[in-house]
Every structure is written in structure tokens, then in C-alpha cells.
PDB file of N, CA and C in Angstrom:
ATOM      1  N   UNK A   1      98.413  85.324 127.927  1.00  0.00           N
ATOM      2  CA  UNK A   1      97.286  84.191 127.735  1.00  0.00           C
ATOM      3  C   UNK A   1      96.395  85.049 126.292  1.00  0.00           C
ATOM      4  N   UNK A   2      96.572  84.306 125.023  1.00  0.00           N
ATOM      5  CA  UNK A   2      96.142  84.882 123.972  1.00  0.00           C
ATOM      6  C   UNK A   2      94.340  84.638 124.049  1.00  0.00           C
ATOM      7  N   UNK A   3      93.997  85.440 123.251  1.00  0.00           N
ATOM      8  CA  UNK A   3      92.064  85.503 123.221  1.00  0.00           C
ATOM      9  C   UNK A   3      91.767  84.914 121.680  1.00  0.00           C
ATOM     10  N   UNK A   4      91.096  84.042 121.992  1.00  0.00           N
ATOM     11  CA  UNK A   4      90.482  83.252 120.648  1.00  0.00           C
ATOM     12  C   UNK A   4      89.164  83.600 120.187  1.00  0.00           C
ATOM     13  N   UNK A   5      88.936  83.836 119.220  1.00  0.00           N
ATOM     14  CA  UNK A   5      87.682  83.884 118.691  1.00  0.00           C
ATOM     15  C   UNK A   5      86.954  82.705 118.393  1.00  0.00           C
ATOM     16  N   UNK A   6      85.535  82.591 118.376  1.00  0.00           N
ATOM     17  CA  UNK A   6      84.635  81.649 118.135  1.00  0.00           C
ATOM     18  C   UNK A   6      83.500  82.001 117.685  1.00  0.00           C
ATOM     19  N   UNK A   7      82.667  81.138 116.746  1.00  0.00           N
ATOM     20  CA  UNK A   7      81.845  81.326 116.143  1.00  0.00           C
ATOM     21  C   UNK A   7      81.090  80.374 115.881  1.00  0.00           C
ATOM     22  N   UNK A   8      79.716  80.027 116.447  1.00  0.00           N
ATOM     23  CA  UNK A   8      78.752  79.087 116.177  1.00  0.00           C
ATOM     24  C   UNK A   8      78.360  78.711 115.029  1.00  0.00           C
ATOM     25  N   UNK A   9      78.124  77.679 114.653  1.00  0.00           N
ATOM     26  CA  UNK A   9      77.707  76.975 113.195  1.00  0.00           C
ATOM     27  C   UNK A   9      76.431  77.016 113.273  1.00  0.00           C
ATOM     28  N   UNK A  10      75.429  76.436 114.454  1.00  0.00           N
ATOM     29  CA  UNK A  10      74.168  76.342 114.213  1.00  0.00           C
ATOM     30  C   UNK A  10      73.410  77.950 114.702  1.00  0.00           C
ATOM     31  N   UNK A  11      73.701  78.734 115.354  1.00  0.00           N
ATOM     32  CA  UNK A  11      73.066  79.944 115.703  1.00  0.00           C
ATOM     33  C   UNK A  11      73.872  81.261 115.064  1.00  0.00           C
ATOM     34  N   UNK A  12      75.348  81.082 114.667  1.00  0.00           N
ATOM     35  CA  UNK A  12      75.950  82.323 114.368  1.00  0.00           C
ATOM     36  C   UNK A  12      76.250  83.355 115.319  1.00  0.00           C
ATOM     37  N   UNK A  13      76.463  82.719 116.713  1.00  0.00           N
ATOM     38  CA  UNK A  13      76.621  83.546 118.112  1.00  0.00           C
ATOM     39  C   UNK A  13      78.333  83.510 118.051  1.00  0.00           C
ATOM     40  N   UNK A  14      78.798  84.684 118.278  1.00  0.00           N
ATOM     41  CA  UNK A  14      80.032  84.851 118.191  1.00  0.00           C
ATOM     42  C   UNK A  14      80.756  85.456 119.635  1.00  0.00           C
ATOM     43  N   UNK A  15      81.690  84.541 119.808  1.00  0.00           N
ATOM     44  CA  UNK A  15      82.202  85.389 121.345  1.00  0.00           C
ATOM     45  C   UNK A  15      83.696  84.889 121.386  1.00  0.00           C
ATOM     46  N   UNK A  16      84.451  85.565 122.545  1.00  0.00           N
ATOM     47  CA  UNK A  16      85.702  85.326 122.430  1.00  0.00           C
ATOM     48  C   UNK A  16      86.176  84.864 123.878  1.00  0.00           C
ATOM     49  N   UNK A  17      87.427  84.087 124.132  1.00  0.00           N
ATOM     50  CA  UNK A  17      87.523  83.522 124.978  1.00  0.00           C
ATOM     51  C   UNK A  17      89.022  83.422 125.487  1.00  0.00           C
ATOM     52  N   UNK A  18      89.868  83.818 126.712  1.00  0.00           N
ATOM     53  CA  UNK A  18      91.051  83.688 126.780  1.00  0.00           C
ATOM     54  C   UNK A  18      91.467  82.588 127.306  1.00  0.00           C
ATOM     55  N   UNK A  19      92.408  81.783 126.405  1.00  0.00           N
ATOM     56  CA  UNK A  19      92.882  80.629 126.926  1.00  0.00           C
ATOM     57  C   UNK A  19      94.476  80.470 126.808  1.00  0.00           C
ATOM     58  N   UNK A  20      94.901  79.379 127.617  1.00  0.00           N
ATOM     59  CA  UNK A  20      96.172  79.058 127.558  1.00  0.00           C
ATOM     60  C   UNK A  20      96.189  78.423 126.467  1.00  0.00           C
ATOM     61  N   UNK A  21      97.501  78.145 126.083  1.00  0.00           N
ATOM     62  CA  UNK A  21      98.326  77.615 124.520  1.00  0.00           C
ATOM     63  C   UNK A  21      97.534  76.015 125.263  1.00  0.00           C
ATOM     64  N   UNK A  22      98.040  75.556 126.463  1.00  0.00           N
ATOM     65  CA  UNK A  22      97.496  73.946 126.797  1.00  0.00           C
ATOM     66  C   UNK A  22      96.186  73.806 126.882  1.00  0.00           C
ATOM     67  N   UNK A  23      95.340  74.721 126.853  1.00  0.00           N
ATOM     68  CA  UNK A  23      93.925  74.503 127.159  1.00  0.00           C
ATOM     69  C   UNK A  23      93.298  74.013 125.708  1.00  0.00           C
ATOM     70  N   UNK A  24      92.403  73.127 125.979  1.00  0.00           N
ATOM     71  CA  UNK A  24      91.396  72.392 124.705  1.00  0.00           C
ATOM     72  C   UNK A  24      90.683  73.460 124.317  1.00  0.00           C
ATOM     73  N   UNK A  25      90.348  73.513 122.836  1.00  0.00           N
ATOM     74  CA  UNK A  25      89.627  74.371 122.126  1.00  0.00           C
ATOM     75  C   UNK A  25      88.297  74.392 122.800  1.00  0.00           C
ATOM     76  N   UNK A  26      87.569  75.269 122.525  1.00  0.00           N
ATOM     77  CA  UNK A  26      86.029  74.861 123.473  1.00  0.00           C
ATOM     78  C   UNK A  26      85.101  74.183 122.145  1.00  0.00           C
ATOM     79  N   UNK A  27      84.233  73.654 122.321  1.00  0.00           N
ATOM     80  CA  UNK A  27      83.782  73.027 121.216  1.00  0.00           C
ATOM     81  C   UNK A  27      81.946  73.207 121.465  1.00  0.00           C
ATOM     82  N   UNK A  28      81.536  73.937 122.379  1.00  0.00           N
ATOM     83  CA  UNK A  28      80.107  73.891 122.519  1.00  0.00           C
ATOM     84  C   UNK A  28      79.622  75.557 122.628  1.00  0.00           C
ATOM     85  N   UNK A  29      78.770  75.818 122.096  1.00  0.00           N
ATOM     86  CA  UNK A  29      78.301  77.190 121.839  1.00  0.00           C
ATOM     87  C   UNK A  29      77.706  77.366 123.420  1.00  0.00           C
ATOM     88  N   UNK A  30      77.787  78.347 123.882  1.00  0.00           N
ATOM     89  CA  UNK A  30      77.427  78.728 125.691  1.00  0.00           C
ATOM     90  C   UNK A  30      75.741  79.128 125.201  1.00  0.00           C
ATOM     91  N   UNK A  31      75.432  79.680 124.040  1.00  0.00           N
ATOM     92  CA  UNK A  31      74.101  79.901 123.632  1.00  0.00           C
ATOM     93  C   UNK A  31      73.039  78.884 123.592  1.00  0.00           C
ATOM     94  N   UNK A  32      73.599  77.999 122.607  1.00  0.00           N
ATOM     95  CA  UNK A  32      72.395  76.908 121.996  1.00  0.00           C
ATOM     96  C   UNK A  32      73.107  75.619 122.070  1.00  0.00           C
ATOM     97  N   UNK A  33      74.335  75.499 122.837  1.00  0.00           N
ATOM     98  CA  UNK A  33      74.794  73.981 122.926  1.00  0.00           C
ATOM     99  C   UNK A  33      75.630  73.756 121.486  1.00  0.00           C
ATOM    100  N   UNK A  34      75.208  74.368 120.483  1.00  0.00           N
ATOM    101  CA  UNK A  34      75.594  73.827 118.902  1.00  0.00           C
ATOM    102  C   UNK A  34      77.297  73.582 118.997  1.00  0.00           C
ATOM    103  N   UNK A  35      77.703  73.260 117.769  1.00  0.00           N
ATOM    104  CA  UNK A  35      79.422  73.213 117.442  1.00  0.00           C
ATOM    105  C   UNK A  35      79.763  74.706 117.129  1.00  0.00           C
ATOM    106  N   UNK A  36      80.809  74.801 117.857  1.00  0.00           N
ATOM    107  CA  UNK A  36      81.412  76.301 117.162  1.00  0.00           C
ATOM    108  C   UNK A  36      82.990  75.695 116.536  1.00  0.00           C
ATOM    109  N   UNK A  37      83.395  76.926 115.829  1.00  0.00           N
ATOM    110  CA  UNK A  37      84.453  76.904 115.272  1.00  0.00           C
ATOM    111  C   UNK A  37      85.630  78.198 115.841  1.00  0.00           C
ATOM    112  N   UNK A  38      86.597  77.776 115.446  1.00  0.00           N
ATOM    113  CA  UNK A  38      87.589  78.979 115.909  1.00  0.00           C
ATOM    114  C   UNK A  38      87.517  80.267 114.830  1.00  0.00           C
ATOM    115  N   UNK A  39      87.485  81.498 114.976  1.00  0.00           N
ATOM    116  CA  UNK A  39      87.839  82.340 113.723  1.00  0.00           C
ATOM    117  C   UNK A  39      89.017  83.052 113.757  1.00  0.00           C
ATOM    118  N   UNK A  40      89.821  82.609 112.356  1.00  0.00           N
ATOM    119  CA  UNK A  40      91.286  83.358 112.492  1.00  0.00           C
ATOM    120  C   UNK A  40      91.000  84.709 111.565  1.00  0.00           C
ATOM    121  N   UNK A  41      91.602  85.610 112.350  1.00  0.00           N
ATOM    122  CA  UNK A  41      91.852  86.891 111.585  1.00  0.00           C
ATOM    123  C   UNK A  41      93.332  87.256 111.484  1.00  0.00           C
ATOM    124  N   UNK A  42      93.386  88.450 111.031  1.00  0.00           N
ATOM    125  CA  UNK A  42      94.657  89.042 110.585  1.00  0.00           C
ATOM    126  C   UNK A  42      95.025  89.541 112.200  1.00  0.00           C
ATOM    127  N   UNK A  43      96.580  89.643 112.483  1.00  0.00           N
ATOM    128  CA  UNK A  43      96.965  90.160 113.952  1.00  0.00           C
ATOM    129  C   UNK A  43      97.809  91.399 113.477  1.00  0.00           C
ATOM    130  N   UNK A  44      98.040  92.133 114.438  1.00  0.00           N
ATOM    131  CA  UNK A  44      98.538  93.067 114.507  1.00  0.00           C
ATOM    132  C   UNK A  44      99.960  92.767 114.632  1.00  0.00           C
ATOM    133  N   UNK A  45     100.873  93.506 113.784  1.00  0.00           N
ATOM    134  CA  UNK A  45     102.601  93.244 113.928  1.00  0.00           C
ATOM    135  C   UNK A  45     102.633  94.602 114.611  1.00  0.00           C
ATOM    136  N   UNK A  46     103.716  94.279 115.607  1.00  0.00           N
ATOM    137  CA  UNK A  46     104.515  95.406 116.618  1.00  0.00           C
ATOM    138  C   UNK A  46     105.963  95.206 116.245  1.00  0.00           C
ATOM    139  N   UNK A  47     106.795  96.476 115.644  1.00  0.00           N
ATOM    140  CA  UNK A  47     108.030  95.865 115.512  1.00  0.00           C
ATOM    141  C   UNK A  47     108.582  96.810 116.634  1.00  0.00           C
ATOM    142  N   UNK A  48     109.639  96.528 117.632  1.00  0.00           N
ATOM    143  CA  UNK A  48     110.115  96.937 118.694  1.00  0.00           C
ATOM    144  C   UNK A  48     111.921  97.007 118.425  1.00  0.00           C
ATOM    145  N   UNK A  49     112.402  98.099 119.003  1.00  0.00           N
ATOM    146  CA  UNK A  49     113.781  98.339 118.800  1.00  0.00           C
ATOM    147  C   UNK A  49     114.309  98.707 117.565  1.00  0.00           C
ATOM    148  N   UNK A  50     115.312  98.934 117.779  1.00  0.00           N
ATOM    149  CA  UNK A  50     116.075  99.838 116.079  1.00  0.00           C
ATOM    150  C   UNK A  50     116.081  99.015 115.226  1.00  0.00           C
ATOM    151  N   UNK A  51     116.319  99.854 113.941  1.00  0.00           N
ATOM    152  CA  UNK A  51     116.579  99.284 112.851  1.00  0.00           C
ATOM    153  C   UNK A  51     114.954  98.862 111.805  1.00  0.00           C
ATOM    154  N   UNK A  52     114.017  99.390 112.563  1.00  0.00           N
ATOM    155  CA  UNK A  52     112.774  98.980 111.651  1.00  0.00           C
ATOM    156  C   UNK A  52     112.036 100.407 111.418  1.00  0.00           C
ATOM    157  N   UNK A  53     112.491 101.530 111.769  1.00  0.00           N
ATOM    158  CA  UNK A  53     112.190 102.927 111.175  1.00  0.00           C
ATOM    159  C   UNK A  53     112.892 103.270 110.070  1.00  0.00           C
ATOM    160  N   UNK A  54     112.218 103.979 109.011  1.00  0.00           N
ATOM    161  CA  UNK A  54     113.029 104.870 108.025  1.00  0.00           C
ATOM    162  C   UNK A  54     114.036 105.920 108.538  1.00  0.00           C
ATOM    163  N   UNK A  55     113.823 106.509 109.890  1.00  0.00           N
ATOM    164  CA  UNK A  55     114.577 107.278 110.299  1.00  0.00           C
ATOM    165  C   UNK A  55     116.090 106.847 110.780  1.00  0.00           C
ATOM    166  N   UNK A  56     115.953 105.494 111.301  1.00  0.00           N
ATOM    167  CA  UNK A  56     117.120 104.793 111.874  1.00  0.00           C
ATOM    168  C   UNK A  56     118.486 104.628 111.004  1.00  0.00           C
ATOM    169  N   UNK A  57     118.289 104.738 109.786  1.00  0.00           N
ATOM    170  CA  UNK A  57     119.378 104.465 108.807  1.00  0.00           C
ATOM    171  C   UNK A  57     119.808 105.859 108.444  1.00  0.00           C
ATOM    172  N   UNK A  58     118.818 106.767 108.611  1.00  0.00           N
ATOM    173  CA  UNK A  58     119.705 108.443 108.279  1.00  0.00           C
ATOM    174  C   UNK A  58     120.803 108.759 109.051  1.00  0.00           C
ATOM    175  N   UNK A  59     121.445 109.592 108.732  1.00  0.00           N
ATOM    176  CA  UNK A  59     122.558 110.267 109.535  1.00  0.00           C
ATOM    177  C   UNK A  59     122.163 111.991 109.598  1.00  0.00           C
ATOM    178  N   UNK A  60     122.375 112.345 110.843  1.00  0.00           N
ATOM    179  CA  UNK A  60     121.932 113.794 111.309  1.00  0.00           C
ATOM    180  C   UNK A  60     122.480 114.862 109.999  1.00  0.00           C
ATOM    181  N   UNK A  61     121.656 115.611 109.819  1.00  0.00           N
ATOM    182  CA  UNK A  61     122.175 116.724 109.105  1.00  0.00           C
ATOM    183  C   UNK A  61     122.871 117.637 109.635  1.00  0.00           C
ATOM    184  N   UNK A  62     123.996 118.450 109.209  1.00  0.00           N
ATOM    185  CA  UNK A  62     124.634 119.304 109.810  1.00  0.00           C
ATOM    186  C   UNK A  62     124.572 120.479 108.446  1.00  0.00           C
ATOM    187  N   UNK A  63     125.064 121.346 108.669  1.00  0.00           N
ATOM    188  CA  UNK A  63     125.173 122.554 108.173  1.00  0.00           C
ATOM    189  C   UNK A  63     126.628 122.774 107.652  1.00  0.00           C
ATOM    190  N   UNK A  64     127.710 122.448 108.312  1.00  0.00           N
ATOM    191  CA  UNK A  64     129.143 122.270 107.980  1.00  0.00           C
ATOM    192  C   UNK A  64     129.391 121.019 108.596  1.00  0.00           C
ATOM    193  N   UNK A  65     130.013 120.384 107.951  1.00  0.00           N
ATOM    194  CA  UNK A  65     130.864 119.133 108.376  1.00  0.00           C
ATOM    195  C   UNK A  65     131.626 119.344 109.376  1.00  0.00           C
ATOM    196  N   UNK A  66     132.085 118.558 110.469  1.00  0.00           N
ATOM    197  CA  UNK A  66     132.855 118.888 111.471  1.00  0.00           C
ATOM    198  C   UNK A  66     134.160 118.673 110.955  1.00  0.00           C
ATOM    199  N   UNK A  67     134.624 118.102 110.114  1.00  0.00           N
ATOM    200  CA  UNK A  67     136.091 117.744 109.694  1.00  0.00           C
ATOM    201  C   UNK A  67     136.374 118.597 108.691  1.00  0.00           C
ATOM    202  N   UNK A  68     135.420 119.474 107.982  1.00  0.00           N
ATOM    203  CA  UNK A  68     135.776 120.691 107.054  1.00  0.00           C
ATOM    204  C   UNK A  68     136.069 121.973 107.748  1.00  0.00           C
ATOM    205  N   UNK A  69     137.441 122.450 107.656  1.00  0.00           N
ATOM    206  CA  UNK A  69     137.664 123.861 108.007  1.00  0.00           C
ATOM    207  C   UNK A  69     137.263 125.076 107.062  1.00  0.00           C
ATOM    208  N   UNK A  70     136.511 126.110 107.350  1.00  0.00           N
ATOM    209  CA  UNK A  70     136.297 127.125 106.629  1.00  0.00           C
ATOM    210  C   UNK A  70     137.108 127.618 105.828  1.00  0.00           C
ATOM    211  N   UNK A  71     137.258 127.954 104.516  1.00  0.00           N
ATOM    212  CA  UNK A  71     138.318 128.406 103.680  1.00  0.00           C
ATOM    213  C   UNK A  71     138.164 130.029 103.887  1.00  0.00           C
ATOM    214  N   UNK A  72     139.485 130.643 103.930  1.00  0.00           N
ATOM    215  CA  UNK A  72     139.487 132.304 104.126  1.00  0.00           C
ATOM    216  C   UNK A  72     138.919 132.866 102.704  1.00  0.00           C
ATOM    217  N   UNK A  73     138.581 134.085 103.011  1.00  0.00           N
ATOM    218  CA  UNK A  73     138.223 134.799 101.630  1.00  0.00           C
ATOM    219  C   UNK A  73     139.351 135.152 100.829  1.00  0.00           C
ATOM    220  N   UNK A  74     138.944 135.012  99.487  1.00  0.00           N
ATOM    221  CA  UNK A  74     139.795 135.279  98.802  1.00  0.00           C
ATOM    222  C   UNK A  74     140.193 136.888  98.611  1.00  0.00           C
ATOM    223  N   UNK A  75     141.298 137.378  98.474  1.00  0.00           N
ATOM    224  CA  UNK A  75     141.538 138.717  98.505  1.00  0.00           C
ATOM    225  C   UNK A  75     141.227 139.126  97.339  1.00  0.00           C
ATOM    226  N   UNK A  76     140.753 140.574  97.175  1.00  0.00           N
ATOM    227  CA  UNK A  76     140.399 141.137  95.597  1.00  0.00           C
ATOM    228  C   UNK A  76     141.297 141.238  94.694  1.00  0.00           C
ATOM    229  N   UNK A  77     141.120 141.111  93.598  1.00  0.00           N
ATOM    230  CA  UNK A  77     141.952 141.117  92.667  1.00  0.00           C
ATOM    231  C   UNK A  77     142.578 142.740  92.249  1.00  0.00           C
ATOM    232  N   UNK A  78     144.032 142.854  91.981  1.00  0.00           N
ATOM    233  CA  UNK A  78     144.509 144.474  92.216  1.00  0.00           C
ATOM    234  C   UNK A  78     143.904 145.069  91.108  1.00  0.00           C
ATOM    235  N   UNK A  79     143.563 146.456  91.128  1.00  0.00           N
ATOM    236  CA  UNK A  79     142.953 147.194  89.881  1.00  0.00           C
ATOM    237  C   UNK A  79     144.309 147.614  89.123  1.00  0.00           C
ATOM    238  N   UNK A  80     143.891 147.836  87.669  1.00  0.00           N
ATOM    239  CA  UNK A  80     144.834 148.103  86.837  1.00  0.00           C
ATOM    240  C   UNK A  80     145.135 149.709  86.832  1.00  0.00           C
ATOM    241  N   UNK A  81     146.497 149.834  86.870  1.00  0.00           N
ATOM    242  CA  UNK A  81     146.631 151.503  87.006  1.00  0.00           C
ATOM    243  C   UNK A  81     146.818 152.237  85.783  1.00  0.00           C
ATOM    244  N   UNK A  82     146.168 153.386  85.624  1.00  0.00           N
ATOM    245  CA  UNK A  82     146.308 153.924  84.461  1.00  0.00           C
ATOM    246  C   UNK A  82     148.044 154.682  83.925  1.00  0.00           C
ATOM    247  N   UNK A  83     148.451 154.407  83.152  1.00  0.00           N
ATOM    248  CA  UNK A  83     149.580 155.039  82.963  1.00  0.00           C
ATOM    249  C   UNK A  83     149.393 156.316  81.826  1.00  0.00           C
ATOM    250  N   UNK A  84     150.172 157.285  81.731  1.00  0.00           N
ATOM    251  CA  UNK A  84     149.911 158.127  81.036  1.00  0.00           C
ATOM    252  C   UNK A  84     150.994 159.132  80.203  1.00  0.00           C
TER     253      UNK A  84
END
């Protein structure tokens, strides 16, 4: 059940009430019996599941891809011989 915030227009008393969606709004202040109004504020947003985080779209980094085979080392070039 949601929690609603109320503020009295007459005395300024602020209070919260846990009410069902089908419950009628509170119209009377519990302190001075004056008229109250609902106070609306920002709500926190919670993202659940995959796809909401920056790391969800990244691929794992590997040092050597599994499909690549290591290349054999090249043989050193032959040294020229001296002819006399």
C-alpha cells in the first residue's frame, strides 16, 4: 500500500498516511481539524532486470580471442657468408 503525505493548510502540520488506492483521501487535519492537502514529491525509480546497466552491453575482454590461433615465430634470416 502506498504512503501519502499530507499538509494542513491552516496550521502547517505535515503527516503521512498509509492508504489503499481505493481509500478516500484524508480531508481533515488530526491536530486542528483544518483542511489538508496532499503533498506530491519526486519518487525514486528502481530499475530491475538486465539491460539497465552500462556493463550489460559490454562483452568480456580477453587477452587472446578463442578463435585466433597463435602464429609461429619467424625463423631468423640467414647471415650472408663472406667469400674471399
